[in-house]
């Protein structure tokens, strides 16, 4: 998105890019949650 900054501006796609980035963060945090929960289980055992 940053490398194509001009193209984003040309098409007024800032909100689209922000949403796409937010979706990518949510996907990462979803997997991160599973990792952290499984870590808590291991520490308890």
ModelCIF file with pLDDT and N, C-alpha, C, O atoms, coordinates in Angstrom:
data_MODEL
#
_entry.id   MODEL 
#
_entity.id                         1 
_entity.type                       polymer 
_entity.pdbx_number_of_molecules   1 
#
_entity_poly.entity_id                      1 
_entity_poly.type                           'polypeptide(L)' 
_entity_poly.nstd_linkage                   no 
_entity_poly.nstd_monomer                   no 
_entity_poly.pdbx_seq_one_letter_code       
;(UNK)(UNK)(UNK)(UNK)(UNK)(UNK)(UNK)(UNK)(UNK)(UNK)(UNK)(UNK)(UNK)(UNK)(UNK)(UNK)
(UNK)(UNK)(UNK)(UNK)(UNK)(UNK)(UNK)(UNK)(UNK)(UNK)(UNK)(UNK)(UNK)(UNK)(UNK)(UNK)
(UNK)(UNK)(UNK)(UNK)(UNK)(UNK)(UNK)(UNK)(UNK)(UNK)(UNK)(UNK)(UNK)
;
_entity_poly.pdbx_seq_one_letter_code_can   XXXXXXXXXXXXXXXXXXXXXXXXXXXXXXXXXXXXXXXXXXXXX 
_entity_poly.pdbx_strand_id                 A 
#
loop_
_entity_poly_seq.entity_id 
_entity_poly_seq.num 
_entity_poly_seq.mon_id 
_entity_poly_seq.hetero 
1 1  UNK n 
1 2  UNK n 
1 3  UNK n 
1 4  UNK n 
1 5  UNK n 
1 6  UNK n 
1 7  UNK n 
1 8  UNK n 
1 9  UNK n 
1 10 UNK n 
1 11 UNK n 
1 12 UNK n 
1 13 UNK n 
1 14 UNK n 
1 15 UNK n 
1 16 UNK n 
1 17 UNK n 
1 18 UNK n 
1 19 UNK n 
1 20 UNK n 
1 21 UNK n 
1 22 UNK n 
1 23 UNK n 
1 24 UNK n 
1 25 UNK n 
1 26 UNK n 
1 27 UNK n 
1 28 UNK n 
1 29 UNK n 
1 30 UNK n 
1 31 UNK n 
1 32 UNK n 
1 33 UNK n 
1 34 UNK n 
1 35 UNK n 
1 36 UNK n 
1 37 UNK n 
1 38 UNK n 
1 39 UNK n 
1 40 UNK n 
1 41 UNK n 
1 42 UNK n 
1 43 UNK n 
1 44 UNK n 
1 45 UNK n 
#
_struct_asym.id          A 
_struct_asym.entity_id   1 
#
loop_
_ma_qa_metric.id 
_ma_qa_metric.mode 
_ma_qa_metric.name 
_ma_qa_metric.software_group_id 
_ma_qa_metric.type 
1 global pLDDT . pLDDT 
2 local  pLDDT . pLDDT 
#
_ma_qa_metric_global.metric_id      1 
_ma_qa_metric_global.metric_value   86.07 
_ma_qa_metric_global.model_id       1 
_ma_qa_metric_global.ordinal_id     1 
#
loop_
_ma_qa_metric_local.label_asym_id 
_ma_qa_metric_local.label_comp_id 
_ma_qa_metric_local.label_seq_id 
_ma_qa_metric_local.metric_id 
_ma_qa_metric_local.metric_value 
_ma_qa_metric_local.model_id 
_ma_qa_metric_local.ordinal_id 
A UNK 1  2 86.00 1 1  
A UNK 2  2 84.00 1 2  
A UNK 3  2 77.00 1 3  
A UNK 4  2 83.00 1 4  
A UNK 5  2 81.00 1 5  
A UNK 6  2 75.00 1 6  
A UNK 7  2 81.00 1 7  
A UNK 8  2 83.00 1 8  
A UNK 9  2 79.00 1 9  
A UNK 10 2 75.00 1 10 
A UNK 11 2 77.00 1 11 
A UNK 12 2 81.00 1 12 
A UNK 13 2 83.00 1 13 
A UNK 14 2 85.00 1 14 
A UNK 15 2 88.00 1 15 
A UNK 16 2 87.00 1 16 
A UNK 17 2 88.00 1 17 
A UNK 18 2 90.00 1 18 
A UNK 19 2 90.00 1 19 
A UNK 20 2 88.00 1 20 
A UNK 21 2 90.00 1 21 
A UNK 22 2 91.00 1 22 
A UNK 23 2 90.00 1 23 
A UNK 24 2 89.00 1 24 
A UNK 25 2 91.00 1 25 
A UNK 26 2 92.00 1 26 
A UNK 27 2 90.00 1 27 
A UNK 28 2 90.00 1 28 
A UNK 29 2 91.00 1 29 
A UNK 30 2 90.00 1 30 
A UNK 31 2 88.00 1 31 
A UNK 32 2 88.00 1 32 
A UNK 33 2 93.00 1 33 
A UNK 34 2 88.00 1 34 
A UNK 35 2 87.00 1 35 
A UNK 36 2 88.00 1 36 
A UNK 37 2 90.00 1 37 
A UNK 38 2 86.00 1 38 
A UNK 39 2 84.00 1 39 
A UNK 40 2 87.00 1 40 
A UNK 41 2 88.00 1 41 
A UNK 42 2 83.00 1 42 
A UNK 43 2 83.00 1 43 
A UNK 44 2 87.00 1 44 
A UNK 45 2 88.00 1 45 
#
loop_
_atom_site.group_PDB 
_atom_site.id 
_atom_site.type_symbol 
_atom_site.label_atom_id 
_atom_site.label_alt_id 
_atom_site.label_comp_id 
_atom_site.label_asym_id 
_atom_site.label_entity_id 
_atom_site.label_seq_id 
_atom_site.pdbx_PDB_ins_code 
_atom_site.Cartn_x 
_atom_site.Cartn_y 
_atom_site.Cartn_z 
_atom_site.occupancy 
_atom_site.B_iso_or_equiv 
_atom_site.pdbx_formal_charge 
_atom_site.auth_seq_id 
_atom_site.auth_comp_id 
_atom_site.auth_asym_id 
_atom_site.auth_atom_id 
_atom_site.pdbx_PDB_model_num 
ATOM 1   N N  . UNK A 1 1  ? 0.825   -1.203  0.000  1.00 86.00 ? 1  UNK A N  1 
ATOM 2   C CA . UNK A 1 1  ? 0.000   0.000   0.000  1.00 86.00 ? 1  UNK A CA 1 
ATOM 3   C C  . UNK A 1 1  ? 0.861   1.255   0.000  1.00 86.00 ? 1  UNK A C  1 
ATOM 4   O O  . UNK A 1 1  ? 0.561   2.219   -0.705 1.00 86.00 ? 1  UNK A O  1 
ATOM 5   N N  . UNK A 1 2  ? 1.939   1.244   0.796  1.00 84.00 ? 2  UNK A N  1 
ATOM 6   C CA . UNK A 1 2  ? 2.817   2.414   0.860  1.00 84.00 ? 2  UNK A CA 1 
ATOM 7   C C  . UNK A 1 2  ? 3.577   2.626   -0.445 1.00 84.00 ? 2  UNK A C  1 
ATOM 8   O O  . UNK A 1 2  ? 3.775   3.764   -0.869 1.00 84.00 ? 2  UNK A O  1 
ATOM 9   N N  . UNK A 1 3  ? 4.002   1.539   -1.081 1.00 77.00 ? 3  UNK A N  1 
ATOM 10  C CA . UNK A 1 3  ? 4.722   1.661   -2.350 1.00 77.00 ? 3  UNK A CA 1 
ATOM 11  C C  . UNK A 1 3  ? 3.829   2.211   -3.454 1.00 77.00 ? 3  UNK A C  1 
ATOM 12  O O  . UNK A 1 3  ? 4.315   2.833   -4.399 1.00 77.00 ? 3  UNK A O  1 
ATOM 13  N N  . UNK A 1 4  ? 2.527   1.983   -3.336 1.00 83.00 ? 4  UNK A N  1 
ATOM 14  C CA . UNK A 1 4  ? 1.576   2.456   -4.341 1.00 83.00 ? 4  UNK A CA 1 
ATOM 15  C C  . UNK A 1 4  ? 0.757   3.636   -3.803 1.00 83.00 ? 4  UNK A C  1 
ATOM 16  O O  . UNK A 1 4  ? -0.431  3.771   -4.095 1.00 83.00 ? 4  UNK A O  1 
ATOM 17  N N  . UNK A 1 5  ? 1.417   4.480   -3.016 1.00 81.00 ? 5  UNK A N  1 
ATOM 18  C CA . UNK A 1 5  ? 0.755   5.602   -2.369 1.00 81.00 ? 5  UNK A CA 1 
ATOM 19  C C  . UNK A 1 5  ? 0.017   6.488   -3.379 1.00 81.00 ? 5  UNK A C  1 
ATOM 20  O O  . UNK A 1 5  ? -1.122  6.890   -3.141 1.00 81.00 ? 5  UNK A O  1 
ATOM 21  N N  . UNK A 1 6  ? 0.671   6.790   -4.506 1.00 75.00 ? 6  UNK A N  1 
ATOM 22  C CA . UNK A 1 6  ? 0.053   7.662   -5.499 1.00 75.00 ? 6  UNK A CA 1 
ATOM 23  C C  . UNK A 1 6  ? -1.218  7.048   -6.084 1.00 75.00 ? 6  UNK A C  1 
ATOM 24  O O  . UNK A 1 6  ? -2.233  7.724   -6.247 1.00 75.00 ? 6  UNK A O  1 
ATOM 25  N N  . UNK A 1 7  ? -1.142  5.765   -6.392 1.00 81.00 ? 7  UNK A N  1 
ATOM 26  C CA . UNK A 1 7  ? -2.310  5.097   -6.953 1.00 81.00 ? 7  UNK A CA 1 
ATOM 27  C C  . UNK A 1 7  ? -3.484  5.121   -5.975 1.00 81.00 ? 7  UNK A C  1 
ATOM 28  O O  . UNK A 1 7  ? -4.633  5.311   -6.374 1.00 81.00 ? 7  UNK A O  1 
ATOM 29  N N  . UNK A 1 8  ? -3.183  4.929   -4.698 1.00 83.00 ? 8  UNK A N  1 
ATOM 30  C CA . UNK A 1 8  ? -4.235  4.996   -3.680 1.00 83.00 ? 8  UNK A CA 1 
ATOM 31  C C  . UNK A 1 8  ? -4.908  6.365   -3.703 1.00 83.00 ? 8  UNK A C  1 
ATOM 32  O O  . UNK A 1 8  ? -6.132  6.470   -3.620 1.00 83.00 ? 8  UNK A O  1 
ATOM 33  N N  . UNK A 1 9  ? -4.092  7.412   -3.815 1.00 79.00 ? 9  UNK A N  1 
ATOM 34  C CA . UNK A 1 9  ? -4.630  8.769   -3.847 1.00 79.00 ? 9  UNK A CA 1 
ATOM 35  C C  . UNK A 1 9  ? -5.429  9.033   -5.124 1.00 79.00 ? 9  UNK A C  1 
ATOM 36  O O  . UNK A 1 9  ? -6.482  9.671   -5.092 1.00 79.00 ? 9  UNK A O  1 
ATOM 37  N N  . UNK A 1 10 ? -4.911  8.529   -6.250 1.00 75.00 ? 10 UNK A N  1 
ATOM 38  C CA . UNK A 1 10 ? -5.608  8.743   -7.524 1.00 75.00 ? 10 UNK A CA 1 
ATOM 39  C C  . UNK A 1 10 ? -7.048  8.251   -7.467 1.00 75.00 ? 10 UNK A C  1 
ATOM 40  O O  . UNK A 1 10 ? -7.954  8.893   -7.999 1.00 75.00 ? 10 UNK A O  1 
ATOM 41  N N  . UNK A 1 11 ? -7.248  7.123   -6.826 1.00 77.00 ? 11 UNK A N  1 
ATOM 42  C CA . UNK A 1 11 ? -8.568  6.484   -6.822 1.00 77.00 ? 11 UNK A CA 1 
ATOM 43  C C  . UNK A 1 11 ? -9.326  6.691   -5.507 1.00 77.00 ? 11 UNK A C  1 
ATOM 44  O O  . UNK A 1 11 ? -10.369 6.079   -5.276 1.00 77.00 ? 11 UNK A O  1 
ATOM 45  N N  . UNK A 1 12 ? -8.780  7.569   -4.646 1.00 81.00 ? 12 UNK A N  1 
ATOM 46  C CA . UNK A 1 12 ? -9.465  7.837   -3.389 1.00 81.00 ? 12 UNK A CA 1 
ATOM 47  C C  . UNK A 1 12 ? -9.741  6.589   -2.586 1.00 81.00 ? 12 UNK A C  1 
ATOM 48  O O  . UNK A 1 12 ? -10.807 6.446   -1.986 1.00 81.00 ? 12 UNK A O  1 
ATOM 49  N N  . UNK A 1 13 ? -8.763  5.669   -2.576 1.00 83.00 ? 13 UNK A N  1 
ATOM 50  C CA . UNK A 1 13 ? -8.975  4.346   -1.968 1.00 83.00 ? 13 UNK A CA 1 
ATOM 51  C C  . UNK A 1 13 ? -8.384  4.243   -0.575 1.00 83.00 ? 13 UNK A C  1 
ATOM 52  O O  . UNK A 1 13 ? -8.069  3.143   -0.121 1.00 83.00 ? 13 UNK A O  1 
ATOM 53  N N  . UNK A 1 14 ? -8.228  5.367   0.112  1.00 85.00 ? 14 UNK A N  1 
ATOM 54  C CA . UNK A 1 14 ? -7.630  5.329   1.434  1.00 85.00 ? 14 UNK A CA 1 
ATOM 55  C C  . UNK A 1 14 ? -8.406  4.424   2.391  1.00 85.00 ? 14 UNK A C  1 
ATOM 56  O O  . UNK A 1 14 ? -7.818  3.594   3.085  1.00 85.00 ? 14 UNK A O  1 
ATOM 57  N N  . UNK A 1 15 ? -9.725  4.590   2.423  1.00 88.00 ? 15 UNK A N  1 
ATOM 58  C CA . UNK A 1 15 ? -10.530 3.786   3.343  1.00 88.00 ? 15 UNK A CA 1 
ATOM 59  C C  . UNK A 1 15 ? -10.490 2.303   2.977  1.00 88.00 ? 15 UNK A C  1 
ATOM 60  O O  . UNK A 1 15 ? -10.496 1.436   3.852  1.00 88.00 ? 15 UNK A O  1 
ATOM 61  N N  . UNK A 1 16 ? -10.449 2.025   1.677  1.00 87.00 ? 16 UNK A N  1 
ATOM 62  C CA . UNK A 1 16 ? -10.347 0.624   1.238  1.00 87.00 ? 16 UNK A CA 1 
ATOM 63  C C  . UNK A 1 16 ? -9.034  0.012   1.738  1.00 87.00 ? 16 UNK A C  1 
ATOM 64  O O  . UNK A 1 16 ? -9.017  -1.117  2.229  1.00 87.00 ? 16 UNK A O  1 
ATOM 65  N N  . UNK A 1 17 ? -7.938  0.765   1.610  1.00 88.00 ? 17 UNK A N  1 
ATOM 66  C CA . UNK A 1 17 ? -6.637  0.271   2.047  1.00 88.00 ? 17 UNK A CA 1 
ATOM 67  C C  . UNK A 1 17 ? -6.607  0.097   3.567  1.00 88.00 ? 17 UNK A C  1 
ATOM 68  O O  . UNK A 1 17 ? -6.076  -0.888  4.080  1.00 88.00 ? 17 UNK A O  1 
ATOM 69  N N  . UNK A 1 18 ? -7.182  1.068   4.275  1.00 90.00 ? 18 UNK A N  1 
ATOM 70  C CA . UNK A 1 18 ? -7.215  0.971   5.737  1.00 90.00 ? 18 UNK A CA 1 
ATOM 71  C C  . UNK A 1 18 ? -8.011  -0.253  6.177  1.00 90.00 ? 18 UNK A C  1 
ATOM 72  O O  . UNK A 1 18 ? -7.612  -0.968  7.096  1.00 90.00 ? 18 UNK A O  1 
ATOM 73  N N  . UNK A 1 19 ? -9.144  -0.487  5.509  1.00 90.00 ? 19 UNK A N  1 
ATOM 74  C CA . UNK A 1 19 ? -9.972  -1.649  5.851  1.00 90.00 ? 19 UNK A CA 1 
ATOM 75  C C  . UNK A 1 19 ? -9.234  -2.956  5.553  1.00 90.00 ? 19 UNK A C  1 
ATOM 76  O O  . UNK A 1 19 ? -9.272  -3.901  6.341  1.00 90.00 ? 19 UNK A O  1 
ATOM 77  N N  . UNK A 1 20 ? -8.562  -2.988  4.398  1.00 88.00 ? 20 UNK A N  1 
ATOM 78  C CA . UNK A 1 20 ? -7.814  -4.200  4.040  1.00 88.00 ? 20 UNK A CA 1 
ATOM 79  C C  . UNK A 1 20 ? -6.703  -4.464  5.052  1.00 88.00 ? 20 UNK A C  1 
ATOM 80  O O  . UNK A 1 20 ? -6.462  -5.605  5.445  1.00 88.00 ? 20 UNK A O  1 
ATOM 81  N N  . UNK A 1 21 ? -6.026  -3.384  5.471  1.00 90.00 ? 21 UNK A N  1 
ATOM 82  C CA . UNK A 1 21 ? -4.960  -3.543  6.467  1.00 90.00 ? 21 UNK A CA 1 
ATOM 83  C C  . UNK A 1 21 ? -5.540  -3.980  7.815  1.00 90.00 ? 21 UNK A C  1 
ATOM 84  O O  . UNK A 1 21 ? -4.961  -4.816  8.508  1.00 90.00 ? 21 UNK A O  1 
ATOM 85  N N  . UNK A 1 22 ? -6.692  -3.403  8.178  1.00 91.00 ? 22 UNK A N  1 
ATOM 86  C CA . UNK A 1 22 ? -7.341  -3.788  9.429  1.00 91.00 ? 22 UNK A CA 1 
ATOM 87  C C  . UNK A 1 22 ? -7.745  -5.257  9.396  1.00 91.00 ? 22 UNK A C  1 
ATOM 88  O O  . UNK A 1 22 ? -7.591  -5.968  10.389 1.00 91.00 ? 22 UNK A O  1 
ATOM 89  N N  . UNK A 1 23 ? -8.266  -5.717  8.245  1.00 90.00 ? 23 UNK A N  1 
ATOM 90  C CA . UNK A 1 23 ? -8.639  -7.129  8.109  1.00 90.00 ? 23 UNK A CA 1 
ATOM 91  C C  . UNK A 1 23 ? -7.416  -8.023  8.293  1.00 90.00 ? 23 UNK A C  1 
ATOM 92  O O  . UNK A 1 23 ? -7.497  -9.086  8.910  1.00 90.00 ? 23 UNK A O  1 
ATOM 93  N N  . UNK A 1 24 ? -6.266  -7.574  7.742  1.00 89.00 ? 24 UNK A N  1 
ATOM 94  C CA . UNK A 1 24 ? -5.034  -8.358  7.879  1.00 89.00 ? 24 UNK A CA 1 
ATOM 95  C C  . UNK A 1 24 ? -4.596  -8.410  9.338  1.00 89.00 ? 24 UNK A C  1 
ATOM 96  O O  . UNK A 1 24 ? -4.119  -9.442  9.810  1.00 89.00 ? 24 UNK A O  1 
ATOM 97  N N  . UNK A 1 25 ? -4.758  -7.283  10.061 1.00 91.00 ? 25 UNK A N  1 
ATOM 98  C CA . UNK A 1 25 ? -4.405  -7.257  11.487 1.00 91.00 ? 25 UNK A CA 1 
ATOM 99  C C  . UNK A 1 25 ? -5.332  -8.175  12.284 1.00 91.00 ? 25 UNK A C  1 
ATOM 100 O O  . UNK A 1 25 ? -4.882  -8.912  13.160 1.00 91.00 ? 25 UNK A O  1 
ATOM 101 N N  . UNK A 1 26 ? -6.630  -8.125  11.975 1.00 92.00 ? 26 UNK A N  1 
ATOM 102 C CA . UNK A 1 26 ? -7.596  -8.977  12.686 1.00 92.00 ? 26 UNK A CA 1 
ATOM 103 C C  . UNK A 1 26 ? -7.275  -10.452 12.460 1.00 92.00 ? 26 UNK A C  1 
ATOM 104 O O  . UNK A 1 26 ? -7.347  -11.259 13.388 1.00 92.00 ? 26 UNK A O  1 
ATOM 105 N N  . UNK A 1 27 ? -6.926  -10.796 11.238 1.00 90.00 ? 27 UNK A N  1 
ATOM 106 C CA . UNK A 1 27 ? -6.555  -12.184 10.938 1.00 90.00 ? 27 UNK A CA 1 
ATOM 107 C C  . UNK A 1 27 ? -5.325  -12.589 11.741 1.00 90.00 ? 27 UNK A C  1 
ATOM 108 O O  . UNK A 1 27 ? -5.264  -13.693 12.282 1.00 90.00 ? 27 UNK A O  1 
ATOM 109 N N  . UNK A 1 28 ? -4.338  -11.683 11.817 1.00 90.00 ? 28 UNK A N  1 
ATOM 110 C CA . UNK A 1 28 ? -3.127  -11.968 12.592 1.00 90.00 ? 28 UNK A CA 1 
ATOM 111 C C  . UNK A 1 28 ? -3.460  -12.131 14.077 1.00 90.00 ? 28 UNK A C  1 
ATOM 112 O O  . UNK A 1 28 ? -2.986  -13.062 14.728 1.00 90.00 ? 28 UNK A O  1 
ATOM 113 N N  . UNK A 1 29 ? -4.279  -11.221 14.603 1.00 91.00 ? 29 UNK A N  1 
ATOM 114 C CA . UNK A 1 29 ? -4.613  -11.281 16.025 1.00 91.00 ? 29 UNK A CA 1 
ATOM 115 C C  . UNK A 1 29 ? -5.441  -12.515 16.362 1.00 91.00 ? 29 UNK A C  1 
ATOM 116 O O  . UNK A 1 29 ? -5.355  -13.035 17.474 1.00 91.00 ? 29 UNK A O  1 
ATOM 117 N N  . UNK A 1 30 ? -6.240  -12.982 15.414 1.00 90.00 ? 30 UNK A N  1 
ATOM 118 C CA . UNK A 1 30 ? -7.000  -14.213 15.617 1.00 90.00 ? 30 UNK A CA 1 
ATOM 119 C C  . UNK A 1 30 ? -6.053  -15.392 15.828 1.00 90.00 ? 30 UNK A C  1 
ATOM 120 O O  . UNK A 1 30 ? -6.252  -16.208 16.727 1.00 90.00 ? 30 UNK A O  1 
ATOM 121 N N  . UNK A 1 31 ? -5.028  -15.469 14.992 1.00 88.00 ? 31 UNK A N  1 
ATOM 122 C CA . UNK A 1 31 ? -4.048  -16.549 15.133 1.00 88.00 ? 31 UNK A CA 1 
ATOM 123 C C  . UNK A 1 31 ? -3.166  -16.313 16.363 1.00 88.00 ? 31 UNK A C  1 
ATOM 124 O O  . UNK A 1 31 ? -2.763  -17.267 17.029 1.00 88.00 ? 31 UNK A O  1 
ATOM 125 N N  . UNK A 1 32 ? -2.868  -15.054 16.662 1.00 88.00 ? 32 UNK A N  1 
ATOM 126 C CA . UNK A 1 32 ? -2.071  -14.728 17.843 1.00 88.00 ? 32 UNK A CA 1 
ATOM 127 C C  . UNK A 1 32 ? -2.809  -15.147 19.118 1.00 88.00 ? 32 UNK A C  1 
ATOM 128 O O  . UNK A 1 32 ? -2.185  -15.621 20.067 1.00 88.00 ? 32 UNK A O  1 
ATOM 129 N N  . UNK A 1 33 ? -4.135  -14.972 19.144 1.00 93.00 ? 33 UNK A N  1 
ATOM 130 C CA . UNK A 1 33 ? -4.934  -15.363 20.308 1.00 93.00 ? 33 UNK A CA 1 
ATOM 131 C C  . UNK A 1 33 ? -4.788  -16.860 20.579 1.00 93.00 ? 33 UNK A C  1 
ATOM 132 O O  . UNK A 1 33 ? -4.588  -17.269 21.722 1.00 93.00 ? 33 UNK A O  1 
ATOM 133 N N  . UNK A 1 34 ? -4.888  -17.673 19.532 1.00 88.00 ? 34 UNK A N  1 
ATOM 134 C CA . UNK A 1 34 ? -4.735  -19.118 19.701 1.00 88.00 ? 34 UNK A CA 1 
ATOM 135 C C  . UNK A 1 34 ? -3.354  -19.457 20.247 1.00 88.00 ? 34 UNK A C  1 
ATOM 136 O O  . UNK A 1 34 ? -3.214  -20.332 21.101 1.00 88.00 ? 34 UNK A O  1 
ATOM 137 N N  . UNK A 1 35 ? -2.336  -18.758 19.749 1.00 87.00 ? 35 UNK A N  1 
ATOM 138 C CA . UNK A 1 35 ? -0.976  -19.006 20.210 1.00 87.00 ? 35 UNK A CA 1 
ATOM 139 C C  . UNK A 1 35 ? -0.827  -18.675 21.688 1.00 87.00 ? 35 UNK A C  1 
ATOM 140 O O  . UNK A 1 35 ? -0.211  -19.429 22.441 1.00 87.00 ? 35 UNK A O  1 
ATOM 141 N N  . UNK A 1 36 ? -1.400  -17.534 22.105 1.00 88.00 ? 36 UNK A N  1 
ATOM 142 C CA . UNK A 1 36 ? -1.271  -17.116 23.494 1.00 88.00 ? 36 UNK A CA 1 
ATOM 143 C C  . UNK A 1 36 ? -2.064  -18.029 24.439 1.00 88.00 ? 36 UNK A C  1 
ATOM 144 O O  . UNK A 1 36 ? -1.592  -18.340 25.532 1.00 88.00 ? 36 UNK A O  1 
ATOM 145 N N  . UNK A 1 37 ? -3.262  -18.457 24.027 1.00 90.00 ? 37 UNK A N  1 
ATOM 146 C CA . UNK A 1 37 ? -4.068  -19.353 24.863 1.00 90.00 ? 37 UNK A CA 1 
ATOM 147 C C  . UNK A 1 37 ? -3.359  -20.688 25.054 1.00 90.00 ? 37 UNK A C  1 
ATOM 148 O O  . UNK A 1 37 ? -3.307  -21.216 26.165 1.00 90.00 ? 37 UNK A O  1 
ATOM 149 N N  . UNK A 1 38 ? -2.815  -21.231 23.970 1.00 86.00 ? 38 UNK A N  1 
ATOM 150 C CA . UNK A 1 38 ? -2.096  -22.513 24.078 1.00 86.00 ? 38 UNK A CA 1 
ATOM 151 C C  . UNK A 1 38 ? -0.855  -22.363 24.945 1.00 86.00 ? 38 UNK A C  1 
ATOM 152 O O  . UNK A 1 38 ? -0.456  -23.309 25.625 1.00 86.00 ? 38 UNK A O  1 
ATOM 153 N N  . UNK A 1 39 ? -0.236  -21.169 24.930 1.00 84.00 ? 39 UNK A N  1 
ATOM 154 C CA . UNK A 1 39 ? 0.917   -20.922 25.797 1.00 84.00 ? 39 UNK A CA 1 
ATOM 155 C C  . UNK A 1 39 ? 0.489   -20.925 27.266 1.00 84.00 ? 39 UNK A C  1 
ATOM 156 O O  . UNK A 1 39 ? 1.189   -21.465 28.123 1.00 84.00 ? 39 UNK A O  1 
ATOM 157 N N  . UNK A 1 40 ? -0.651  -20.326 27.542 1.00 87.00 ? 40 UNK A N  1 
ATOM 158 C CA . UNK A 1 40 ? -1.152  -20.308 28.917 1.00 87.00 ? 40 UNK A CA 1 
ATOM 159 C C  . UNK A 1 40 ? -1.425  -21.725 29.410 1.00 87.00 ? 40 UNK A C  1 
ATOM 160 O O  . UNK A 1 40 ? -1.144  -22.040 30.567 1.00 87.00 ? 40 UNK A O  1 
ATOM 161 N N  . UNK A 1 41 ? -1.967  -22.579 28.551 1.00 88.00 ? 41 UNK A N  1 
ATOM 162 C CA . UNK A 1 41 ? -2.227  -23.977 28.917 1.00 88.00 ? 41 UNK A CA 1 
ATOM 163 C C  . UNK A 1 41 ? -0.920  -24.680 29.261 1.00 88.00 ? 41 UNK A C  1 
ATOM 164 O O  . UNK A 1 41 ? -0.842  -25.411 30.248 1.00 88.00 ? 41 UNK A O  1 
ATOM 165 N N  . UNK A 1 42 ? 0.102   -24.456 28.443 1.00 83.00 ? 42 UNK A N  1 
ATOM 166 C CA . UNK A 1 42 ? 1.401   -25.081 28.679 1.00 83.00 ? 42 UNK A CA 1 
ATOM 167 C C  . UNK A 1 42 ? 1.994   -24.621 30.006 1.00 83.00 ? 42 UNK A C  1 
ATOM 168 O O  . UNK A 1 42 ? 2.483   -25.439 30.784 1.00 83.00 ? 42 UNK A O  1 
ATOM 169 N N  . UNK A 1 43 ? 1.954   -23.325 30.264 1.00 83.00 ? 43 UNK A N  1 
ATOM 170 C CA . UNK A 1 43 ? 2.514   -22.802 31.520 1.00 83.00 ? 43 UNK A CA 1 
ATOM 171 C C  . UNK A 1 43 ? 1.805   -23.373 32.741 1.00 83.00 ? 43 UNK A C  1 
ATOM 172 O O  . UNK A 1 43 ? 2.441   -23.666 33.753 1.00 83.00 ? 43 UNK A O  1 
ATOM 173 N N  . UNK A 1 44 ? 0.490   -23.531 32.646 1.00 87.00 ? 44 UNK A N  1 
ATOM 174 C CA . UNK A 1 44 ? -0.285  -24.079 33.770 1.00 87.00 ? 44 UNK A CA 1 
ATOM 175 C C  . UNK A 1 44 ? 0.107   -25.525 34.051 1.00 87.00 ? 44 UNK A C  1 
ATOM 176 O O  . UNK A 1 44 ? 0.306   -25.907 35.204 1.00 87.00 ? 44 UNK A O  1 
ATOM 177 N N  . UNK A 1 45 ? 0.218   -26.323 32.999 1.00 88.00 ? 45 UNK A N  1 
ATOM 178 C CA . UNK A 1 45 ? 0.612   -27.738 33.160 1.00 88.00 ? 45 UNK A CA 1 
ATOM 179 C C  . UNK A 1 45 ? 2.002   -27.836 33.772 1.00 88.00 ? 45 UNK A C  1 
ATOM 180 O O  . UNK A 1 45 ? 2.507   -28.938 33.985 1.00 88.00 ? 45 UNK A O  1 
#
